[in-house]
Amino acid sequence: MSKNEIKVLSAGAVKRGVSQIAAEFERTTGTRVTVDFATGPEVRKRVAAGEAADVIVVPPAIMDEFEKLGKIAADSRAIVGRSRMGVVIHSGAPTPDLGDTAAFKKLLLGATAVIYNQASSGLYAAKLMEKLGLAQALGARIIVVETGAGVMEYVAEHPAAAVGLAQISEVMVQIDKGLPIRLAGPLPAEIQNETSYDAAATVSSAAHDAACGLARALTSPEAKKVFAATGIS
């Protein structure tokens, strides 16, 4: 990247907020910003393989790894926000009861398919299925796809009682795109999972000042308002 151009490599769950803030940063500073979104594990893999980026947005555990490897400027690191998990159904499906864990289990046991991804939310969903004794009961009805978008696409294509588990922020992105899905609601409080996201500039950035400036913009009080409107608290 040149000093007038910076690249962001970001987890997909914060896509709407990151895109808006990056566009505003580009408008106000004149620095061109490109943003590439992937799952957290994919970002980890790409950075570890040496892919260049100026700003990284990932869950704290992955950012901890990057910091230990000396890939990020530690003083530029700050929290972007947190995303909760929700239940996704087809737009034509009846609204289910999600009042408690028992109701949630009943919904999943009656589903034709339960879909989650291979990213942070999917790892939690897999553990939750085991914890609730649903993994064996559901068996082949559990469908694991690569990305959050893939979860919503599967639900959209299978209207007959398919249920997706995904980050609420990712659900909202796909609803904006016009997919025939809707958010049935968040997971019940007693089994809810929050995933945090941090932003930081990389030490290898050729545009260090601009990268640090964008990292600050992504974690500023003003950014919190932008992210809140996209499902990130």
C-alpha atoms as a PDB file:
ATOM      1  CA  MET A   1       0.000   0.000   0.000  1.00  0.00           C
ATOM      2  CA  SER A   2       1.129   3.582  -0.654  1.00  0.00           C
ATOM      3  CA  LYS A   3       0.990   6.454   1.820  1.00  0.00           C
ATOM      4  CA  ASN A   4      -2.237   7.627   0.163  1.00  0.00           C
ATOM      5  CA  GLU A   5      -3.923   4.248   0.291  1.00  0.00           C
ATOM      6  CA  ILE A   6      -4.649   1.876   3.156  1.00  0.00           C
ATOM      7  CA  LYS A   7      -6.148  -1.597   3.273  1.00  0.00           C
ATOM      8  CA  VAL A   8      -8.397  -2.932   6.026  1.00  0.00           C
ATOM      9  CA  LEU A   9      -8.693  -6.647   6.661  1.00  0.00           C
ATOM     10  CA  SER A  10     -11.776  -7.196   8.811  1.00  0.00           C
ATOM     11  CA  ALA A  11     -14.025  -9.847  10.269  1.00  0.00           C
ATOM     12  CA  GLY A  12     -17.366  -9.833   8.465  1.00  0.00           C
ATOM     13  CA  ALA A  13     -19.658  -9.398  11.466  1.00  0.00           C
ATOM     14  CA  VAL A  14     -18.793  -5.679  11.676  1.00  0.00           C
ATOM     15  CA  LYS A  15     -19.080  -5.091   7.930  1.00  0.00           C
ATOM     16  CA  ARG A  16     -21.787  -2.420   7.900  1.00  0.00           C
ATOM     17  CA  GLY A  17     -20.133  -0.176  10.474  1.00  0.00           C
ATOM     18  CA  VAL A  18     -16.592  -0.621   9.172  1.00  0.00           C
ATOM     19  CA  SER A  19     -17.720   0.145   5.625  1.00  0.00           C
ATOM     20  CA  GLN A  20     -19.499   3.342   6.660  1.00  0.00           C
ATOM     21  CA  ILE A  21     -16.652   4.642   8.814  1.00  0.00           C
ATOM     22  CA  ALA A  22     -14.009   3.741   6.223  1.00  0.00           C
ATOM     23  CA  ALA A  23     -15.963   5.618   3.541  1.00  0.00           C
ATOM     24  CA  GLU A  24     -16.254   8.694   5.780  1.00  0.00           C
ATOM     25  CA  PHE A  25     -12.536   8.527   6.626  1.00  0.00           C
ATOM     26  CA  GLU A  26     -11.700   8.394   2.923  1.00  0.00           C
ATOM     27  CA  ARG A  27     -13.985  11.370   2.222  1.00  0.00           C
ATOM     28  CA  THR A  28     -12.550  13.550   4.976  1.00  0.00           C
ATOM     29  CA  THR A  29      -8.857  12.672   4.651  1.00  0.00           C
ATOM     30  CA  GLY A  30      -8.449  11.945   0.943  1.00  0.00           C
ATOM     31  CA  THR A  31      -6.746   8.652   1.791  1.00  0.00           C
ATOM     32  CA  ARG A  32      -8.130   5.823  -0.285  1.00  0.00           C
ATOM     33  CA  VAL A  33      -9.442   2.950   1.855  1.00  0.00           C
ATOM     34  CA  THR A  34     -10.089  -0.554   0.592  1.00  0.00           C
ATOM     35  CA  VAL A  35     -11.764  -3.079   2.887  1.00  0.00           C
ATOM     36  CA  ASP A  36     -11.629  -6.846   2.572  1.00  0.00           C
ATOM     37  CA  PHE A  37     -13.982  -8.894   4.754  1.00  0.00           C
ATOM     38  CA  ALA A  38     -13.539 -12.517   5.827  1.00  0.00           C
ATOM     39  CA  THR A  39     -14.224 -14.718   8.837  1.00  0.00           C
ATOM     40  CA  GLY A  40     -12.023 -14.192  11.895  1.00  0.00           C
ATOM     41  CA  PRO A  41     -10.203 -17.515  11.376  1.00  0.00           C
ATOM     42  CA  GLU A  42      -9.615 -16.632   7.716  1.00  0.00           C
ATOM     43  CA  VAL A  43      -8.166 -13.230   8.675  1.00  0.00           C
ATOM     44  CA  ARG A  44      -5.838 -14.998  11.121  1.00  0.00           C
ATOM     45  CA  LYS A  45      -4.733 -17.413   8.411  1.00  0.00           C
ATOM     46  CA  ARG A  46      -4.121 -14.700   5.822  1.00  0.00           C
ATOM     47  CA  VAL A  47      -2.163 -12.418   8.156  1.00  0.00           C
ATOM     48  CA  ALA A  48      -0.097 -15.353   9.437  1.00  0.00           C
ATOM     49  CA  ALA A  49       0.697 -16.214   5.805  1.00  0.00           C
ATOM     50  CA  GLY A  50       2.096 -12.727   5.305  1.00  0.00           C
ATOM     51  CA  GLU A  51      -0.761 -10.882   3.603  1.00  0.00           C
ATOM     52  CA  ALA A  52      -0.277  -7.130   3.860  1.00  0.00           C
ATOM     53  CA  ALA A  53      -2.843  -4.921   5.581  1.00  0.00           C
ATOM     54  CA  ASP A  54      -2.732  -1.538   7.274  1.00  0.00           C
ATOM     55  CA  VAL A  55      -5.626  -1.980   9.716  1.00  0.00           C
ATOM     56  CA  ILE A  56      -7.023  -5.218  11.139  1.00  0.00           C
ATOM     57  CA  VAL A  57     -10.412  -5.779  12.820  1.00  0.00           C
ATOM     58  CA  VAL A  58     -10.822  -9.142  14.562  1.00  0.00           C
ATOM     59  CA  PRO A  59     -11.956 -10.720  17.855  1.00  0.00           C
ATOM     60  CA  PRO A  60      -9.600 -10.094  20.827  1.00  0.00           C
ATOM     61  CA  ALA A  61      -8.190 -13.640  20.938  1.00  0.00           C
ATOM     62  CA  ILE A  62      -6.925 -13.301  17.365  1.00  0.00           C
ATOM     63  CA  MET A  63      -5.664  -9.772  17.997  1.00  0.00           C
ATOM     64  CA  ASP A  64      -3.782 -11.104  21.041  1.00  0.00           C
ATOM     65  CA  GLU A  65      -1.975 -13.515  18.724  1.00  0.00           C
ATOM     66  CA  PHE A  66      -1.099 -10.719  16.312  1.00  0.00           C
ATOM     67  CA  GLU A  67       0.201  -8.587  19.168  1.00  0.00           C
ATOM     68  CA  LYS A  68       2.421 -11.408  20.466  1.00  0.00           C
ATOM     69  CA  LEU A  69       3.773 -11.891  16.944  1.00  0.00           C
ATOM     70  CA  GLY A  70       4.559  -8.169  16.747  1.00  0.00           C
ATOM     71  CA  LYS A  71       2.229  -7.583  13.795  1.00  0.00           C
ATOM     72  CA  ILE A  72       0.174  -4.727  15.262  1.00  0.00           C
ATOM     73  CA  ALA A  73       0.943  -1.402  16.897  1.00  0.00           C
ATOM     74  CA  ALA A  74      -0.268  -2.171  20.420  1.00  0.00           C
ATOM     75  CA  ASP A  75      -0.895   1.474  21.259  1.00  0.00           C
ATOM     76  CA  SER A  76      -3.379   1.730  18.369  1.00  0.00           C
ATOM     77  CA  ARG A  77      -5.494  -1.201  19.584  1.00  0.00           C
ATOM     78  CA  ALA A  78      -8.970  -0.549  20.987  1.00  0.00           C
ATOM     79  CA  ILE A  79     -12.378  -2.190  21.101  1.00  0.00           C
ATOM     80  CA  VAL A  80     -14.835  -1.644  18.248  1.00  0.00           C
ATOM     81  CA  GLY A  81     -17.841  -3.258  19.927  1.00  0.00           C
ATOM     82  CA  ARG A  82     -19.682  -6.479  20.653  1.00  0.00           C
ATOM     83  CA  SER A  83     -22.091  -8.546  18.599  1.00  0.00           C
ATOM     84  CA  ARG A  84     -24.795 -10.844  19.958  1.00  0.00           C
ATOM     85  CA  MET A  85     -26.091 -13.984  18.324  1.00  0.00           C
ATOM     86  CA  GLY A  86     -29.558 -14.354  16.885  1.00  0.00           C
ATOM     87  CA  VAL A  87     -31.925 -16.844  15.306  1.00  0.00           C
ATOM     88  CA  VAL A  88     -32.623 -16.507  11.580  1.00  0.00           C
ATOM     89  CA  ILE A  89     -35.728 -17.807   9.830  1.00  0.00           C
ATOM     90  CA  HIS A  90     -37.264 -17.421   6.386  1.00  0.00           C
ATOM     91  CA  SER A  91     -39.286 -14.245   5.948  1.00  0.00           C
ATOM     92  CA  GLY A  92     -42.407 -16.318   5.398  1.00  0.00           C
ATOM     93  CA  ALA A  93     -42.003 -18.508   8.476  1.00  0.00           C
ATOM     94  CA  PRO A  94     -44.126 -17.972  11.603  1.00  0.00           C
ATOM     95  CA  THR A  95     -42.490 -16.156  14.510  1.00  0.00           C
ATOM     96  CA  PRO A  96     -41.187 -18.720  17.012  1.00  0.00           C
ATOM     97  CA  ASP A  97     -41.097 -18.553  20.794  1.00  0.00           C
ATOM     98  CA  LEU A  98     -37.590 -17.723  21.979  1.00  0.00           C
ATOM     99  CA  GLY A  99     -38.498 -16.843  25.543  1.00  0.00           C
ATOM    100  CA  ASP A 100     -36.149 -19.334  27.169  1.00  0.00           C
ATOM    101  CA  THR A 101     -33.759 -22.191  26.487  1.00  0.00           C
ATOM    102  CA  ALA A 102     -36.519 -24.796  26.483  1.00  0.00           C
ATOM    103  CA  ALA A 103     -38.380 -22.896  23.752  1.00  0.00           C
ATOM    104  CA  PHE A 104     -35.158 -22.539  21.771  1.00  0.00           C
ATOM    105  CA  LYS A 105     -34.512 -26.293  21.970  1.00  0.00           C
ATOM    106  CA  LYS A 106     -38.073 -27.020  20.852  1.00  0.00           C
ATOM    107  CA  LEU A 107     -37.605 -24.772  17.815  1.00  0.00           C
ATOM    108  CA  LEU A 108     -34.388 -26.486  16.774  1.00  0.00           C
ATOM    109  CA  LEU A 109     -35.741 -29.990  17.289  1.00  0.00           C
ATOM    110  CA  GLY A 110     -38.612 -29.123  14.960  1.00  0.00           C
ATOM    111  CA  ALA A 111     -36.344 -27.623  12.277  1.00  0.00           C
ATOM    112  CA  THR A 112     -35.594 -29.299   8.966  1.00  0.00           C
ATOM    113  CA  ALA A 113     -32.049 -27.906   9.191  1.00  0.00           C
ATOM    114  CA  VAL A 114     -29.987 -25.943  11.719  1.00  0.00           C
ATOM    115  CA  ILE A 115     -27.271 -23.880  10.065  1.00  0.00           C
ATOM    116  CA  TYR A 116     -24.207 -22.113  11.457  1.00  0.00           C
ATOM    117  CA  ASN A 117     -20.783 -21.165  10.150  1.00  0.00           C
ATOM    118  CA  GLN A 118     -17.121 -21.954  10.732  1.00  0.00           C
ATOM    119  CA  ALA A 119     -16.287 -18.583  12.315  1.00  0.00           C
ATOM    120  CA  SER A 120     -16.473 -17.475  15.959  1.00  0.00           C
ATOM    121  CA  SER A 121     -20.271 -17.609  16.151  1.00  0.00           C
ATOM    122  CA  GLY A 122     -20.311 -21.054  14.568  1.00  0.00           C
ATOM    123  CA  LEU A 123     -17.759 -22.395  17.025  1.00  0.00           C
ATOM    124  CA  TYR A 124     -19.990 -21.197  19.836  1.00  0.00           C
ATOM    125  CA  ALA A 125     -23.074 -22.700  18.172  1.00  0.00           C
ATOM    126  CA  ALA A 126     -21.344 -26.075  17.897  1.00  0.00           C
ATOM    127  CA  LYS A 127     -20.462 -26.029  21.595  1.00  0.00           C
ATOM    128  CA  LEU A 128     -24.024 -24.955  22.419  1.00  0.00           C
ATOM    129  CA  MET A 129     -25.463 -27.906  20.485  1.00  0.00           C
ATOM    130  CA  GLU A 130     -23.320 -30.242  22.573  1.00  0.00           C
ATOM    131  CA  LYS A 131     -24.148 -28.490  25.830  1.00  0.00           C
ATOM    132  CA  LEU A 132     -27.907 -28.655  25.198  1.00  0.00           C
ATOM    133  CA  GLY A 133     -27.796 -32.273  24.043  1.00  0.00           C
ATOM    134  CA  LEU A 134     -28.877 -31.297  20.534  1.00  0.00           C
ATOM    135  CA  ALA A 135     -25.873 -32.409  18.489  1.00  0.00           C
ATOM    136  CA  GLN A 136     -26.827 -36.080  18.495  1.00  0.00           C
ATOM    137  CA  ALA A 137     -30.572 -35.423  18.295  1.00  0.00           C
ATOM    138  CA  LEU A 138     -30.203 -33.210  15.232  1.00  0.00           C
ATOM    139  CA  GLY A 139     -27.525 -35.317  13.555  1.00  0.00           C
ATOM    140  CA  ALA A 140     -27.378 -34.710   9.806  1.00  0.00           C
ATOM    141  CA  ARG A 141     -29.821 -31.822  10.114  1.00  0.00           C
ATOM    142  CA  ILE A 142     -26.907 -29.680  11.345  1.00  0.00           C
ATOM    143  CA  ILE A 143     -25.432 -27.872   8.346  1.00  0.00           C
ATOM    144  CA  VAL A 144     -22.089 -26.080   8.715  1.00  0.00           C
ATOM    145  CA  VAL A 145     -21.236 -23.485   6.067  1.00  0.00           C
ATOM    146  CA  GLU A 146     -18.148 -21.335   5.674  1.00  0.00           C
ATOM    147  CA  THR A 147     -19.451 -17.821   6.363  1.00  0.00           C
ATOM    148  CA  GLY A 148     -22.216 -15.875   8.069  1.00  0.00           C
ATOM    149  CA  ALA A 149     -23.568 -14.891   4.656  1.00  0.00           C
ATOM    150  CA  GLY A 150     -23.738 -18.580   3.815  1.00  0.00           C
ATOM    151  CA  VAL A 151     -25.991 -19.188   6.820  1.00  0.00           C
ATOM    152  CA  MET A 152     -28.505 -16.605   5.623  1.00  0.00           C
ATOM    153  CA  GLU A 153     -28.337 -17.784   2.025  1.00  0.00           C
ATOM    154  CA  TYR A 154     -29.138 -21.336   3.102  1.00  0.00           C
ATOM    155  CA  VAL A 155     -32.156 -20.191   5.132  1.00  0.00           C
ATOM    156  CA  ALA A 156     -33.340 -18.060   2.208  1.00  0.00           C
ATOM    157  CA  GLU A 157     -33.138 -21.037  -0.140  1.00  0.00           C
ATOM    158  CA  HIS A 158     -34.810 -23.496   2.255  1.00  0.00           C
ATOM    159  CA  PRO A 159     -37.992 -21.857   3.584  1.00  0.00           C
ATOM    160  CA  ALA A 160     -39.407 -25.050   5.104  1.00  0.00           C
ATOM    161  CA  ALA A 161     -38.416 -24.690   8.770  1.00  0.00           C
ATOM    162  CA  ALA A 162     -34.694 -24.045   8.296  1.00  0.00           C
ATOM    163  CA  VAL A 163     -33.194 -22.198  11.280  1.00  0.00           C
ATOM    164  CA  GLY A 164     -29.915 -20.292  11.185  1.00  0.00           C
ATOM    165  CA  LEU A 165     -27.716 -19.209  14.085  1.00  0.00           C
ATOM    166  CA  ALA A 166     -25.580 -16.146  13.344  1.00  0.00           C
ATOM    167  CA  GLN A 167     -24.309 -12.790  14.515  1.00  0.00           C
ATOM    168  CA  ILE A 168     -27.191 -10.307  14.573  1.00  0.00           C
ATOM    169  CA  SER A 169     -25.032  -7.737  12.774  1.00  0.00           C
ATOM    170  CA  GLU A 170     -24.461 -10.191   9.906  1.00  0.00           C
ATOM    171  CA  VAL A 171     -28.177 -10.962   9.703  1.00  0.00           C
ATOM    172  CA  MET A 172     -28.904  -7.257   9.252  1.00  0.00           C
ATOM    173  CA  VAL A 173     -26.406  -7.004   6.375  1.00  0.00           C
ATOM    174  CA  GLN A 174     -28.180  -9.752   4.456  1.00  0.00           C
ATOM    175  CA  ILE A 175     -31.648  -8.356   5.170  1.00  0.00           C
ATOM    176  CA  ASP A 176     -30.423  -5.051   3.702  1.00  0.00           C
ATOM    177  CA  LYS A 177     -29.409  -6.971   0.582  1.00  0.00           C
ATOM    178  CA  GLY A 178     -32.967  -8.186   0.161  1.00  0.00           C
ATOM    179  CA  LEU A 179     -32.636 -11.839   1.157  1.00  0.00           C
ATOM    180  CA  PRO A 180     -36.030 -13.290   2.190  1.00  0.00           C
ATOM    181  CA  ILE A 181     -35.011 -13.847   5.802  1.00  0.00           C
ATOM    182  CA  ARG A 182     -35.726 -12.190   9.129  1.00  0.00           C
ATOM    183  CA  LEU A 183     -34.331 -12.070  12.618  1.00  0.00           C
ATOM    184  CA  ALA A 184     -36.615 -14.120  14.852  1.00  0.00           C
ATOM    185  CA  GLY A 185     -34.822 -12.678  17.871  1.00  0.00           C
ATOM    186  CA  PRO A 186     -31.615 -12.953  19.895  1.00  0.00           C
ATOM    187  CA  LEU A 187     -30.664 -16.177  21.635  1.00  0.00           C
ATOM    188  CA  PRO A 188     -32.296 -16.442  25.080  1.00  0.00           C
ATOM    189  CA  ALA A 189     -30.304 -14.484  27.673  1.00  0.00           C
ATOM    190  CA  GLU A 190     -29.093 -17.564  29.559  1.00  0.00           C
ATOM    191  CA  ILE A 191     -27.368 -18.974  26.447  1.00  0.00           C
ATOM    192  CA  GLN A 192     -26.486 -15.721  24.678  1.00  0.00           C
ATOM    193  CA  ASN A 193     -22.952 -15.229  23.417  1.00  0.00           C
ATOM    194  CA  GLU A 194     -21.237 -11.928  22.727  1.00  0.00           C
ATOM    195  CA  THR A 195     -18.267 -11.649  20.388  1.00  0.00           C
ATOM    196  CA  SER A 196     -16.053  -8.608  20.785  1.00  0.00           C
ATOM    197  CA  TYR A 197     -14.048  -7.000  17.988  1.00  0.00           C
ATOM    198  CA  ASP A 198     -10.864  -4.941  18.232  1.00  0.00           C
ATOM    199  CA  ALA A 199      -9.209  -2.701  15.656  1.00  0.00           C
ATOM    200  CA  ALA A 200      -5.506  -1.933  15.340  1.00  0.00           C
ATOM    201  CA  ALA A 201      -2.981  -0.577  12.858  1.00  0.00           C
ATOM    202  CA  THR A 202      -0.214  -2.903  11.694  1.00  0.00           C
ATOM    203  CA  VAL A 203       3.456  -2.199  12.292  1.00  0.00           C
ATOM    204  CA  SER A 204       4.224  -2.940   8.637  1.00  0.00           C
ATOM    205  CA  SER A 205       1.916  -0.247   7.259  1.00  0.00           C
ATOM    206  CA  ALA A 206       3.578   2.146   4.829  1.00  0.00           C
ATOM    207  CA  ALA A 207       0.930   4.696   5.814  1.00  0.00           C
ATOM    208  CA  HIS A 208       1.284   4.366   9.567  1.00  0.00           C
ATOM    209  CA  ASP A 209      -0.255   7.718  10.500  1.00  0.00           C
ATOM    210  CA  ALA A 210      -3.294   7.132   8.292  1.00  0.00           C
ATOM    211  CA  ALA A 211      -3.667   3.565   9.564  1.00  0.00           C
ATOM    212  CA  CYS A 212      -3.588   4.745  13.176  1.00  0.00           C
ATOM    213  CA  GLY A 213      -6.056   7.484  12.278  1.00  0.00           C
ATOM    214  CA  LEU A 214      -8.514   4.978  10.831  1.00  0.00           C
ATOM    215  CA  ALA A 215      -8.067   2.662  13.828  1.00  0.00           C
ATOM    216  CA  ARG A 216      -8.965   5.620  16.067  1.00  0.00           C
ATOM    217  CA  ALA A 217     -11.946   6.459  13.872  1.00  0.00           C
ATOM    218  CA  LEU A 218     -13.232   2.880  14.135  1.00  0.00           C
ATOM    219  CA  THR A 219     -13.071   2.935  17.933  1.00  0.00           C
ATOM    220  CA  SER A 220     -14.173   6.515  18.641  1.00  0.00           C
ATOM    221  CA  PRO A 221     -17.320   7.576  20.527  1.00  0.00           C
ATOM    222  CA  GLU A 222     -18.793   8.663  17.192  1.00  0.00           C
ATOM    223  CA  ALA A 223     -18.119   5.207  15.773  1.00  0.00           C
ATOM    224  CA  LYS A 224     -20.001   3.589  18.655  1.00  0.00           C
ATOM    225  CA  LYS A 225     -23.167   5.320  17.429  1.00  0.00           C
ATOM    226  CA  VAL A 226     -22.605   4.073  13.885  1.00  0.00           C
ATOM    227  CA  PHE A 227     -21.990   0.528  15.044  1.00  0.00           C
ATOM    228  CA  ALA A 228     -24.983   0.570  17.399  1.00  0.00           C
ATOM    229  CA  ALA A 229     -27.242   1.181  14.407  1.00  0.00           C
ATOM    230  CA  THR A 230     -25.817  -1.948  12.770  1.00  0.00           C
ATOM    231  CA  GLY A 231     -26.344  -4.310  15.705  1.00  0.00           C
ATOM    232  CA  ILE A 232     -22.926  -3.862  17.348  1.00  0.00           C
ATOM    233  CA  SER A 233     -23.105  -2.548  20.929  1.00  0.00           C
END
